[in-house]
Amino acid sequence: MSFKNKNILIIGASSGIGLNLVGSLLNQGATIYAASRSKAESWPEEVHFQEMDVLKNPEVLANFIPDQLHGLVYAVGNINLKPFARIQAEDFTNDFQLNVVGAAMVIQQALKSLKNSEGASIVLISSVAAKTGMGFHASIAAAKGGLEGFALALAAEFASQNIRVNVVAPSLTETPMAEKFLNTPEKKEAAAKRHPIGRYGTPTDISSAIEFLLAENNSWITGQVMRIDGGMSSLRTNF
């Protein structure tokens, strides 16, 4: 794939999946516009950076992004796991605000530039928990399920404007956000065994799928949820 002369906006690009995506897209010729609360020290100088909190000041994007935007990736999320009895109303509200409302506000700011490219791609990040019942995931599963519904509605609304909207839904991936679930050899072994393919995910597993959905030669794909989860959501290998 080549992203030469393509402008890509990545929200949450300073660590994890977003950081991995920055490096890969740069190597393929993309011009990267990165917005996050902090700047990654490992970014090359050519990355355009805007300090931003999606819940506080998404409007700063209006004067940051270029007139044409070929891709937008919302790589913002959280892992908020609690027993249902301990979940407060604010947990549901905060998870929904970060995962759904934040994405909506960012897309609104970028919409004119996406339209101007005459062929743009939006990629959002959900979770295996949105479609696979998992204990202690009630709040985050509700938010990510909402995100998937939001994405499908946008895909339908934007189709006539040649803006594609798709979702990747990972399982547990080795990122700073998931560190507490993979911080011992025992936890890593247990996590690997939970996946039919025998391992947990890497940032490259997810960023490769995002690149596929961003790529111009995959322009007939929209309104899809791609489950990048080592088979967890659909396979049963223990009998």
C-alpha atoms as a PDB file:
ATOM      1  CA  MET A   1       0.000   0.000   0.000  1.00  0.00           C
ATOM      2  CA  SER A   2       1.064   3.562  -0.619  1.00  0.00           C
ATOM      3  CA  PHE A   3      -0.148   6.670   1.147  1.00  0.00           C
ATOM      4  CA  LYS A   4       1.950   9.115  -0.820  1.00  0.00           C
ATOM      5  CA  ASN A   5       0.375  12.590  -0.844  1.00  0.00           C
ATOM      6  CA  LYS A   6      -2.340  11.447   1.586  1.00  0.00           C
ATOM      7  CA  ASN A   7      -3.167  13.524   4.662  1.00  0.00           C
ATOM      8  CA  ILE A   8      -4.111  11.380   7.648  1.00  0.00           C
ATOM      9  CA  LEU A   9      -5.388  12.696  10.989  1.00  0.00           C
ATOM     10  CA  ILE A  10      -4.760  10.404  13.961  1.00  0.00           C
ATOM     11  CA  ILE A  11      -6.409  11.198  17.274  1.00  0.00           C
ATOM     12  CA  GLY A  12      -4.564   9.573  20.171  1.00  0.00           C
ATOM     13  CA  ALA A  13      -1.317   9.032  18.297  1.00  0.00           C
ATOM     14  CA  SER A  14       1.163   9.348  21.152  1.00  0.00           C
ATOM     15  CA  SER A  15       1.158   5.719  22.330  1.00  0.00           C
ATOM     16  CA  GLY A  16      -0.007   2.202  21.610  1.00  0.00           C
ATOM     17  CA  ILE A  17      -1.857   1.523  18.377  1.00  0.00           C
ATOM     18  CA  GLY A  18      -1.872   5.172  17.313  1.00  0.00           C
ATOM     19  CA  LEU A  19       1.878   5.514  17.761  1.00  0.00           C
ATOM     20  CA  ASN A  20       2.519   2.347  15.767  1.00  0.00           C
ATOM     21  CA  LEU A  21       0.251   3.627  13.016  1.00  0.00           C
ATOM     22  CA  VAL A  22       2.123   6.938  12.778  1.00  0.00           C
ATOM     23  CA  GLY A  23       5.419   5.218  12.027  1.00  0.00           C
ATOM     24  CA  SER A  24       3.973   2.799   9.520  1.00  0.00           C
ATOM     25  CA  LEU A  25       2.030   5.419   7.565  1.00  0.00           C
ATOM     26  CA  LEU A  26       5.005   7.783   7.475  1.00  0.00           C
ATOM     27  CA  ASN A  27       7.085   5.002   5.945  1.00  0.00           C
ATOM     28  CA  GLN A  28       4.469   4.712   3.206  1.00  0.00           C
ATOM     29  CA  GLY A  29       4.558   8.395   2.317  1.00  0.00           C
ATOM     30  CA  ALA A  30       1.636   9.777   4.322  1.00  0.00           C
ATOM     31  CA  THR A  31       1.555  13.231   5.844  1.00  0.00           C
ATOM     32  CA  ILE A  32       0.533  12.785   9.464  1.00  0.00           C
ATOM     33  CA  TYR A  33      -1.514  15.204  11.540  1.00  0.00           C
ATOM     34  CA  ALA A  34      -1.502  13.982  15.139  1.00  0.00           C
ATOM     35  CA  ALA A  35      -3.674  15.313  17.933  1.00  0.00           C
ATOM     36  CA  SER A  36      -3.398  14.132  21.512  1.00  0.00           C
ATOM     37  CA  ARG A  37      -2.880  15.394  25.045  1.00  0.00           C
ATOM     38  CA  SER A  38       0.884  14.988  24.739  1.00  0.00           C
ATOM     39  CA  LYS A  39       3.545  14.684  22.077  1.00  0.00           C
ATOM     40  CA  ALA A  40       5.450  11.423  21.632  1.00  0.00           C
ATOM     41  CA  GLU A  41       9.208  11.808  21.909  1.00  0.00           C
ATOM     42  CA  SER A  42       9.712   9.154  19.238  1.00  0.00           C
ATOM     43  CA  TRP A  43       7.804  11.016  16.534  1.00  0.00           C
ATOM     44  CA  PRO A  44       9.871  12.190  13.579  1.00  0.00           C
ATOM     45  CA  GLU A  45      10.021  15.938  13.030  1.00  0.00           C
ATOM     46  CA  GLU A  46       7.685  15.791  10.038  1.00  0.00           C
ATOM     47  CA  VAL A  47       4.674  14.839  12.196  1.00  0.00           C
ATOM     48  CA  HIS A  48       2.311  17.797  12.547  1.00  0.00           C
ATOM     49  CA  PHE A  49       1.181  17.971  16.177  1.00  0.00           C
ATOM     50  CA  GLN A  50      -1.745  19.629  17.928  1.00  0.00           C
ATOM     51  CA  GLU A  51      -2.189  19.381  21.684  1.00  0.00           C
ATOM     52  CA  MET A  52      -5.820  18.499  22.328  1.00  0.00           C
ATOM     53  CA  ASP A  53      -8.196  16.835  24.777  1.00  0.00           C
ATOM     54  CA  VAL A  54     -11.130  15.371  22.856  1.00  0.00           C
ATOM     55  CA  LEU A  55     -13.505  16.064  25.745  1.00  0.00           C
ATOM     56  CA  LYS A  56     -12.414  19.658  26.269  1.00  0.00           C
ATOM     57  CA  ASN A  57     -11.234  21.392  23.102  1.00  0.00           C
ATOM     58  CA  PRO A  58     -11.830  19.445  19.842  1.00  0.00           C
ATOM     59  CA  GLU A  59     -12.504  22.781  18.149  1.00  0.00           C
ATOM     60  CA  VAL A  60      -8.735  23.404  17.931  1.00  0.00           C
ATOM     61  CA  LEU A  61      -8.716  20.970  15.011  1.00  0.00           C
ATOM     62  CA  ALA A  62     -10.463  23.516  12.802  1.00  0.00           C
ATOM     63  CA  ASN A  63      -7.284  25.555  12.371  1.00  0.00           C
ATOM     64  CA  PHE A  64      -4.945  22.566  12.465  1.00  0.00           C
ATOM     65  CA  ILE A  65      -6.028  20.133   9.791  1.00  0.00           C
ATOM     66  CA  PRO A  66      -5.395  20.752   6.071  1.00  0.00           C
ATOM     67  CA  ASP A  67      -8.081  21.638   3.530  1.00  0.00           C
ATOM     68  CA  GLN A  68      -8.063  18.062   2.281  1.00  0.00           C
ATOM     69  CA  LEU A  69      -8.080  15.106   4.659  1.00  0.00           C
ATOM     70  CA  HIS A  70      -7.933  11.603   3.207  1.00  0.00           C
ATOM     71  CA  GLY A  71      -8.155   9.641   6.427  1.00  0.00           C
ATOM     72  CA  LEU A  72      -9.166  10.007  10.067  1.00  0.00           C
ATOM     73  CA  VAL A  73      -8.385   7.486  12.787  1.00  0.00           C
ATOM     74  CA  TYR A  74      -9.911   7.854  16.246  1.00  0.00           C
ATOM     75  CA  ALA A  75      -7.472   5.821  18.367  1.00  0.00           C
ATOM     76  CA  VAL A  76      -8.776   7.014  21.719  1.00  0.00           C
ATOM     77  CA  GLY A  77     -10.181   4.628  24.289  1.00  0.00           C
ATOM     78  CA  ASN A  78      -9.965   3.152  27.752  1.00  0.00           C
ATOM     79  CA  ILE A  79     -10.273  -0.107  29.656  1.00  0.00           C
ATOM     80  CA  ASN A  80     -12.648   0.414  32.552  1.00  0.00           C
ATOM     81  CA  LEU A  81     -13.374  -2.976  34.114  1.00  0.00           C
ATOM     82  CA  LYS A  82     -15.490  -3.248  37.261  1.00  0.00           C
ATOM     83  CA  PRO A  83     -18.019  -5.641  38.752  1.00  0.00           C
ATOM     84  CA  PHE A  84     -21.459  -4.402  37.739  1.00  0.00           C
ATOM     85  CA  ALA A  85     -22.445  -3.734  41.365  1.00  0.00           C
ATOM     86  CA  ARG A  86     -19.621  -1.213  41.658  1.00  0.00           C
ATOM     87  CA  ILE A  87     -20.254   0.704  38.429  1.00  0.00           C
ATOM     88  CA  GLN A  88     -21.491   4.237  39.003  1.00  0.00           C
ATOM     89  CA  ALA A  89     -23.587   6.285  36.594  1.00  0.00           C
ATOM     90  CA  GLU A  90     -20.541   8.450  35.917  1.00  0.00           C
ATOM     91  CA  ASP A  91     -18.619   5.372  34.700  1.00  0.00           C
ATOM     92  CA  PHE A  92     -21.180   4.805  31.958  1.00  0.00           C
ATOM     93  CA  THR A  93     -21.250   8.510  31.156  1.00  0.00           C
ATOM     94  CA  ASN A  94     -17.469   8.907  31.055  1.00  0.00           C
ATOM     95  CA  ASP A  95     -16.922   5.827  28.886  1.00  0.00           C
ATOM     96  CA  PHE A  96     -19.617   6.939  26.435  1.00  0.00           C
ATOM     97  CA  GLN A  97     -18.285  10.490  26.319  1.00  0.00           C
ATOM     98  CA  LEU A  98     -14.733   9.356  25.550  1.00  0.00           C
ATOM     99  CA  ASN A  99     -15.525   6.654  23.038  1.00  0.00           C
ATOM    100  CA  VAL A 100     -18.593   7.987  21.222  1.00  0.00           C
ATOM    101  CA  VAL A 101     -19.108  11.684  21.880  1.00  0.00           C
ATOM    102  CA  GLY A 102     -15.388  12.429  21.506  1.00  0.00           C
ATOM    103  CA  ALA A 103     -15.314  10.658  18.146  1.00  0.00           C
ATOM    104  CA  ALA A 104     -18.424  12.517  17.001  1.00  0.00           C
ATOM    105  CA  MET A 105     -17.029  15.932  17.927  1.00  0.00           C
ATOM    106  CA  VAL A 106     -13.729  15.221  16.166  1.00  0.00           C
ATOM    107  CA  ILE A 107     -15.471  14.040  13.004  1.00  0.00           C
ATOM    108  CA  GLN A 108     -17.625  17.157  12.957  1.00  0.00           C
ATOM    109  CA  GLN A 109     -14.506  19.330  13.061  1.00  0.00           C
ATOM    110  CA  ALA A 110     -12.880  17.331  10.251  1.00  0.00           C
ATOM    111  CA  LEU A 111     -15.921  16.825   8.047  1.00  0.00           C
ATOM    112  CA  LYS A 112     -15.311  19.678   5.604  1.00  0.00           C
ATOM    113  CA  SER A 113     -11.729  18.535   4.945  1.00  0.00           C
ATOM    114  CA  LEU A 114     -12.894  14.929   4.558  1.00  0.00           C
ATOM    115  CA  LYS A 115     -15.470  16.004   1.969  1.00  0.00           C
ATOM    116  CA  ASN A 116     -12.869  18.039   0.100  1.00  0.00           C
ATOM    117  CA  SER A 117     -10.707  14.969  -0.537  1.00  0.00           C
ATOM    118  CA  GLU A 118     -13.492  13.385  -2.620  1.00  0.00           C
ATOM    119  CA  GLY A 119     -12.720   9.975  -1.199  1.00  0.00           C
ATOM    120  CA  ALA A 120     -11.950   9.754   2.511  1.00  0.00           C
ATOM    121  CA  SER A 121     -11.866   6.986   5.091  1.00  0.00           C
ATOM    122  CA  ILE A 122     -12.751   7.151   8.787  1.00  0.00           C
ATOM    123  CA  VAL A 123     -11.651   4.304  11.065  1.00  0.00           C
ATOM    124  CA  LEU A 124     -12.871   3.946  14.645  1.00  0.00           C
ATOM    125  CA  ILE A 125     -11.660   1.470  17.265  1.00  0.00           C
ATOM    126  CA  SER A 126     -14.134  -0.688  19.155  1.00  0.00           C
ATOM    127  CA  SER A 127     -13.495  -3.791  21.278  1.00  0.00           C
ATOM    128  CA  VAL A 128     -14.127  -7.516  21.218  1.00  0.00           C
ATOM    129  CA  ALA A 129     -16.302  -6.871  24.289  1.00  0.00           C
ATOM    130  CA  ALA A 130     -18.939  -5.057  22.205  1.00  0.00           C
ATOM    131  CA  LYS A 131     -20.173  -8.358  20.717  1.00  0.00           C
ATOM    132  CA  THR A 132     -18.718 -10.980  23.059  1.00  0.00           C
ATOM    133  CA  GLY A 133     -20.201 -11.168  26.543  1.00  0.00           C
ATOM    134  CA  MET A 134     -17.384 -10.702  29.039  1.00  0.00           C
ATOM    135  CA  GLY A 135     -17.689 -10.250  32.792  1.00  0.00           C
ATOM    136  CA  PHE A 136     -16.762  -6.862  34.330  1.00  0.00           C
ATOM    137  CA  HIS A 137     -17.050  -5.174  30.905  1.00  0.00           C
ATOM    138  CA  ALA A 138     -20.573  -3.728  31.209  1.00  0.00           C
ATOM    139  CA  SER A 139     -19.623  -0.060  30.960  1.00  0.00           C
ATOM    140  CA  ILE A 140     -16.979  -0.275  28.256  1.00  0.00           C
ATOM    141  CA  ALA A 141     -19.033  -2.820  26.263  1.00  0.00           C
ATOM    142  CA  ALA A 142     -21.989  -0.430  26.295  1.00  0.00           C
ATOM    143  CA  ALA A 143     -19.795   2.412  25.041  1.00  0.00           C
ATOM    144  CA  LYS A 144     -18.107   0.378  22.321  1.00  0.00           C
ATOM    145  CA  GLY A 145     -21.433  -1.100  21.238  1.00  0.00           C
ATOM    146  CA  GLY A 146     -22.685   2.456  20.897  1.00  0.00           C
ATOM    147  CA  LEU A 147     -19.601   3.335  18.872  1.00  0.00           C
ATOM    148  CA  GLU A 148     -20.280   0.520  16.408  1.00  0.00           C
ATOM    149  CA  GLY A 149     -23.877   1.655  15.938  1.00  0.00           C
ATOM    150  CA  PHE A 150     -22.712   5.239  15.510  1.00  0.00           C
ATOM    151  CA  ALA A 151     -20.216   4.154  12.852  1.00  0.00           C
ATOM    152  CA  LEU A 152     -22.846   2.298  10.828  1.00  0.00           C
ATOM    153  CA  ALA A 153     -25.166   5.300  10.901  1.00  0.00           C
ATOM    154  CA  LEU A 154     -22.362   7.577   9.715  1.00  0.00           C
ATOM    155  CA  ALA A 155     -21.379   5.131   6.970  1.00  0.00           C
ATOM    156  CA  ALA A 156     -24.921   5.291   5.608  1.00  0.00           C
ATOM    157  CA  GLU A 157     -25.139   9.080   5.868  1.00  0.00           C
ATOM    158  CA  PHE A 158     -21.710   9.739   4.355  1.00  0.00           C
ATOM    159  CA  ALA A 159     -21.854   7.171   1.527  1.00  0.00           C
ATOM    160  CA  SER A 160     -23.194   9.694  -0.983  1.00  0.00           C
ATOM    161  CA  GLN A 161     -20.272  11.984  -0.120  1.00  0.00           C
ATOM    162  CA  ASN A 162     -17.722   9.221  -0.798  1.00  0.00           C
ATOM    163  CA  ILE A 163     -16.619   9.092   2.833  1.00  0.00           C
ATOM    164  CA  ARG A 164     -16.210   5.557   4.134  1.00  0.00           C
ATOM    165  CA  VAL A 165     -16.654   4.664   7.819  1.00  0.00           C
ATOM    166  CA  ASN A 166     -15.390   1.396   9.268  1.00  0.00           C
ATOM    167  CA  VAL A 167     -14.460  -0.048  12.645  1.00  0.00           C
ATOM    168  CA  VAL A 168     -11.750  -2.353  13.928  1.00  0.00           C
ATOM    169  CA  ALA A 169     -12.599  -4.282  17.090  1.00  0.00           C
ATOM    170  CA  PRO A 170      -9.488  -5.687  18.782  1.00  0.00           C
ATOM    171  CA  SER A 171      -9.154  -8.080  21.657  1.00  0.00           C
ATOM    172  CA  LEU A 172      -6.466  -7.577  24.317  1.00  0.00           C
ATOM    173  CA  THR A 173      -3.475  -5.875  22.701  1.00  0.00           C
ATOM    174  CA  GLU A 174      -0.050  -5.209  24.196  1.00  0.00           C
ATOM    175  CA  THR A 175      -0.212  -1.442  24.670  1.00  0.00           C
ATOM    176  CA  PRO A 176       0.497   0.839  27.645  1.00  0.00           C
ATOM    177  CA  MET A 177      -3.249   0.969  28.330  1.00  0.00           C
ATOM    178  CA  ALA A 178      -3.329  -2.821  28.776  1.00  0.00           C
ATOM    179  CA  GLU A 179      -0.109  -3.057  30.774  1.00  0.00           C
ATOM    180  CA  LYS A 180      -1.777  -4.112  34.036  1.00  0.00           C
ATOM    181  CA  PHE A 181      -3.282  -7.140  32.286  1.00  0.00           C
ATOM    182  CA  LEU A 182       0.065  -8.279  30.851  1.00  0.00           C
ATOM    183  CA  ASN A 183       2.608  -7.262  33.492  1.00  0.00           C
ATOM    184  CA  THR A 184       3.666 -10.762  34.590  1.00  0.00           C
ATOM    185  CA  PRO A 185       4.617 -13.922  32.675  1.00  0.00           C
ATOM    186  CA  GLU A 186       1.614 -15.666  34.215  1.00  0.00           C
ATOM    187  CA  LYS A 187      -0.824 -13.020  32.992  1.00  0.00           C
ATOM    188  CA  LYS A 188       0.703 -13.091  29.538  1.00  0.00           C
ATOM    189  CA  GLU A 189       0.388 -16.860  29.343  1.00  0.00           C
ATOM    190  CA  ALA A 190      -3.228 -16.786  30.505  1.00  0.00           C
ATOM    191  CA  ALA A 191      -4.085 -14.015  28.025  1.00  0.00           C
ATOM    192  CA  ALA A 192      -2.525 -15.921  25.151  1.00  0.00           C
ATOM    193  CA  LYS A 193      -4.470 -19.075  26.014  1.00  0.00           C
ATOM    194  CA  ARG A 194      -7.789 -17.213  25.948  1.00  0.00           C
ATOM    195  CA  HIS A 195      -7.362 -16.577  22.224  1.00  0.00           C
ATOM    196  CA  PRO A 196      -7.921 -19.444  19.764  1.00  0.00           C
ATOM    197  CA  ILE A 197      -4.867 -18.429  17.755  1.00  0.00           C
ATOM    198  CA  GLY A 198      -2.696 -18.763  20.874  1.00  0.00           C
ATOM    199  CA  ARG A 199      -1.504 -15.222  21.514  1.00  0.00           C
ATOM    200  CA  TYR A 200      -2.725 -11.757  22.438  1.00  0.00           C
ATOM    201  CA  GLY A 201      -2.505  -8.885  20.003  1.00  0.00           C
ATOM    202  CA  THR A 202       0.278  -6.482  19.091  1.00  0.00           C
ATOM    203  CA  PRO A 203      -0.101  -2.855  17.973  1.00  0.00           C
ATOM    204  CA  THR A 204       1.003  -3.901  14.484  1.00  0.00           C
ATOM    205  CA  ASP A 205      -1.856  -6.421  14.255  1.00  0.00           C
ATOM    206  CA  ILE A 206      -4.334  -3.603  14.736  1.00  0.00           C
ATOM    207  CA  SER A 207      -2.571  -0.838  12.823  1.00  0.00           C
ATOM    208  CA  SER A 208      -2.241  -3.135   9.778  1.00  0.00           C
ATOM    209  CA  ALA A 209      -6.003  -3.570   9.721  1.00  0.00           C
ATOM    210  CA  ILE A 210      -6.501   0.186  10.068  1.00  0.00           C
ATOM    211  CA  GLU A 211      -4.147   0.809   7.149  1.00  0.00           C
ATOM    212  CA  PHE A 212      -6.125  -1.678   5.061  1.00  0.00           C
ATOM    213  CA  LEU A 213      -9.325   0.256   5.714  1.00  0.00           C
ATOM    214  CA  LEU A 214      -7.656   3.608   5.050  1.00  0.00           C
ATOM    215  CA  ALA A 215      -6.142   2.527   1.748  1.00  0.00           C
ATOM    216  CA  GLU A 216      -7.605   3.962  -1.443  1.00  0.00           C
ATOM    217  CA  ASN A 217      -7.562   0.592  -3.200  1.00  0.00           C
ATOM    218  CA  ASN A 218     -10.062  -0.712  -0.622  1.00  0.00           C
ATOM    219  CA  SER A 219     -12.578   2.031  -1.387  1.00  0.00           C
ATOM    220  CA  TRP A 220     -15.519  -0.371  -1.746  1.00  0.00           C
ATOM    221  CA  ILE A 221     -15.440  -1.221   1.963  1.00  0.00           C
ATOM    222  CA  THR A 222     -17.699   0.797   4.256  1.00  0.00           C
ATOM    223  CA  GLY A 223     -20.033   0.153   7.171  1.00  0.00           C
ATOM    224  CA  GLN A 224     -17.996  -2.826   8.355  1.00  0.00           C
ATOM    225  CA  VAL A 225     -16.725  -3.961  11.751  1.00  0.00           C
ATOM    226  CA  MET A 226     -13.484  -5.872  11.336  1.00  0.00           C
ATOM    227  CA  ARG A 227     -12.872  -8.075  14.372  1.00  0.00           C
ATOM    228  CA  ILE A 228      -9.118  -8.341  14.906  1.00  0.00           C
ATOM    229  CA  ASP A 229      -9.164 -10.565  17.959  1.00  0.00           C
ATOM    230  CA  GLY A 230      -7.271 -13.806  17.393  1.00  0.00           C
ATOM    231  CA  GLY A 231     -10.580 -15.591  16.844  1.00  0.00           C
ATOM    232  CA  MET A 232     -11.971 -14.794  20.302  1.00  0.00           C
ATOM    233  CA  SER A 233     -15.321 -13.424  19.111  1.00  0.00           C
ATOM    234  CA  SER A 234     -16.202 -16.242  16.728  1.00  0.00           C
ATOM    235  CA  LEU A 235     -14.191 -19.408  17.391  1.00  0.00           C
ATOM    236  CA  ARG A 236     -14.402 -22.118  20.043  1.00  0.00           C
ATOM    237  CA  THR A 237     -11.454 -24.493  20.073  1.00  0.00           C
ATOM    238  CA  ASN A 238     -11.995 -26.137  23.475  1.00  0.00           C
ATOM    239  CA  PHE A 239     -14.459 -29.036  23.485  1.00  0.00           C
END
